[in-house]
């Protein structure tokens, strides 16, 4: 009879421990969902160039492409690549993405700016142009 009480007590302790662990996991899951930024973002602010320019056209294309995945892109008109770079570098601004020419200086290796790609316009032979 003494062994039976130990088994019941142990079973109760296991149930209490499992419930405590589950409640802690649920609490921390809720806290991380509530206070951490989910990935990917639902809205994205993109710095483009002047209205009617090529950066604005690229921004519109990105807006349409990302809208398919439920991401709203807000385009912000700027004076050009230098302002785009300064807006992306400034953490007090809400701009997360911007178009910048590779010839614009000011991107240090220690900064948090990452390039997703680049285009180069070169001439292969006189009169023949290509982009890569």
Protein backbone atom coordinates (compact mmCIF):
# COMPACT_ATOMS: atom_id res chain seq x y z
CA UNK A 1 0.00 0.00 0.00
CA UNK A 2 2.88 2.39 0.67
CA UNK A 3 4.22 1.96 -2.86
CA UNK A 4 0.85 2.86 -4.34
CA UNK A 5 0.83 6.28 -2.61
CA UNK A 6 4.31 7.01 -3.97
CA UNK A 7 3.16 6.21 -7.56
CA UNK A 8 0.06 8.41 -7.24
CA UNK A 9 2.12 11.22 -5.77
CA UNK A 10 4.72 10.87 -8.50
CA UNK A 11 2.04 10.88 -11.19
CA UNK A 12 0.53 14.05 -9.72
CA UNK A 13 3.94 15.72 -9.62
CA UNK A 14 4.53 14.77 -13.26
CA UNK A 15 1.17 16.19 -14.30
CA UNK A 16 1.81 19.43 -12.40
CA UNK A 17 5.31 19.70 -13.87
CA UNK A 18 4.06 19.13 -17.42
CA UNK A 19 1.28 21.69 -16.99
CA UNK A 20 3.75 24.21 -15.55
CA UNK A 21 6.14 23.68 -18.47
CA UNK A 22 3.34 23.99 -21.03
CA UNK A 23 2.05 27.17 -19.44
CA UNK A 24 5.57 28.67 -19.45
CA UNK A 25 6.05 27.76 -23.11
CA UNK A 26 2.68 29.27 -24.01
CA UNK A 27 3.47 32.43 -22.01
CA UNK A 28 6.85 32.97 -23.68
CA UNK A 29 5.39 32.21 -27.11
CA UNK A 30 2.71 34.83 -26.55
CA UNK A 31 5.27 37.35 -25.27
CA UNK A 32 7.55 36.85 -28.27
CA UNK A 33 4.63 37.16 -30.69
CA UNK A 34 3.33 40.25 -28.91
CA UNK A 35 6.58 42.20 -28.52
CA UNK A 36 8.97 40.95 -31.20
CA UNK A 37 8.76 42.08 -34.80
CA UNK A 38 7.34 39.30 -36.97
CA UNK A 39 9.17 38.32 -40.14
CA UNK A 40 8.46 39.28 -42.89
CA UNK A 41 7.07 42.74 -42.21
CA UNK A 42 3.51 43.55 -43.26
CA UNK A 43 4.48 47.06 -44.39
CA UNK A 44 7.67 48.28 -46.00
CA UNK A 45 8.70 51.89 -46.62
CA UNK A 46 10.83 52.29 -49.74
CA UNK A 47 12.74 55.43 -50.70
CA UNK A 48 12.51 56.07 -54.43
CA UNK A 49 13.80 58.91 -56.54
CA UNK A 50 11.85 61.74 -58.06
CA UNK A 51 8.35 61.13 -59.36
CA UNK A 52 8.46 59.84 -62.93
CA UNK A 53 12.05 58.63 -62.62
CA UNK A 54 13.40 55.12 -63.05
CA UNK A 55 13.62 54.54 -59.26
CA UNK A 56 9.92 55.39 -58.93
CA UNK A 57 9.10 52.93 -61.72
CA UNK A 58 11.13 50.19 -60.00
CA UNK A 59 9.37 51.01 -56.74
CA UNK A 60 5.97 50.54 -58.39
CA UNK A 61 7.08 47.17 -59.72
CA UNK A 62 8.21 46.10 -56.26
CA UNK A 63 4.93 47.33 -54.79
CA UNK A 64 2.93 45.12 -57.19
CA UNK A 65 5.18 42.09 -56.67
CA UNK A 66 5.14 42.25 -52.88
CA UNK A 67 1.39 42.92 -52.76
CA UNK A 68 0.90 39.35 -53.98
CA UNK A 69 2.42 38.14 -50.70
CA UNK A 70 0.36 40.51 -48.57
CA UNK A 71 3.13 43.06 -48.00
CA UNK A 72 2.12 46.71 -48.34
CA UNK A 73 4.90 48.89 -49.83
CA UNK A 74 4.71 52.62 -49.15
CA UNK A 75 6.79 54.58 -51.65
CA UNK A 76 8.52 57.74 -50.47
CA UNK A 77 9.65 60.21 -53.13
CA UNK A 78 13.11 61.68 -52.61
CA UNK A 79 15.57 63.83 -54.49
CA UNK A 80 17.69 60.84 -55.50
CA UNK A 81 20.21 58.22 -54.47
CA UNK A 82 22.10 60.33 -51.93
CA UNK A 83 18.93 61.13 -49.99
CA UNK A 84 17.85 57.47 -50.26
CA UNK A 85 21.12 56.37 -48.70
CA UNK A 86 20.91 58.92 -45.88
CA UNK A 87 17.29 57.89 -45.10
CA UNK A 88 18.22 54.19 -44.94
CA UNK A 89 21.26 54.90 -42.75
CA UNK A 90 19.30 57.12 -40.34
CA UNK A 91 17.66 54.85 -37.76
CA UNK A 92 15.24 57.59 -36.68
CA UNK A 93 13.62 57.43 -40.13
CA UNK A 94 11.13 54.68 -40.92
CA UNK A 95 12.66 53.94 -44.34
CA UNK A 96 13.88 50.34 -44.58
CA UNK A 97 14.72 50.09 -48.30
CA UNK A 98 16.04 52.52 -50.89
CA UNK A 99 17.53 52.56 -54.36
CA UNK A 100 21.17 53.69 -54.50
CA UNK A 101 23.69 53.81 -57.31
CA UNK A 102 26.87 51.90 -56.70
CA UNK A 103 28.91 55.04 -57.36
CA UNK A 104 27.35 56.84 -54.38
CA UNK A 105 29.83 56.82 -51.51
CA UNK A 106 29.09 56.51 -47.85
CA UNK A 107 28.35 52.80 -47.42
CA UNK A 108 30.85 51.68 -44.81
CA UNK A 109 31.61 48.05 -44.19
CA UNK A 110 30.61 48.48 -40.55
CA UNK A 111 27.11 49.74 -41.38
CA UNK A 112 24.01 47.56 -41.32
CA UNK A 113 23.20 48.26 -44.98
CA UNK A 114 23.03 45.22 -47.24
CA UNK A 115 22.86 45.24 -51.02
CA UNK A 116 20.44 42.82 -52.64
CA UNK A 117 21.92 43.20 -56.10
CA UNK A 118 23.39 45.52 -58.63
CA UNK A 119 23.40 46.38 -62.30
CA UNK A 120 26.36 47.48 -64.35
CA UNK A 121 26.14 49.19 -67.71
CA UNK A 122 29.14 48.37 -69.87
CA UNK A 123 30.16 48.53 -73.51
CA UNK A 124 31.45 45.25 -74.89
CA UNK A 125 32.60 46.67 -78.20
CA UNK A 126 32.12 50.04 -79.83
CA UNK A 127 28.42 50.42 -80.53
CA UNK A 128 27.35 47.25 -78.66
CA UNK A 129 25.92 47.86 -75.20
CA UNK A 130 24.90 45.37 -72.56
CA UNK A 131 23.85 45.35 -68.95
CA UNK A 132 24.77 42.66 -66.46
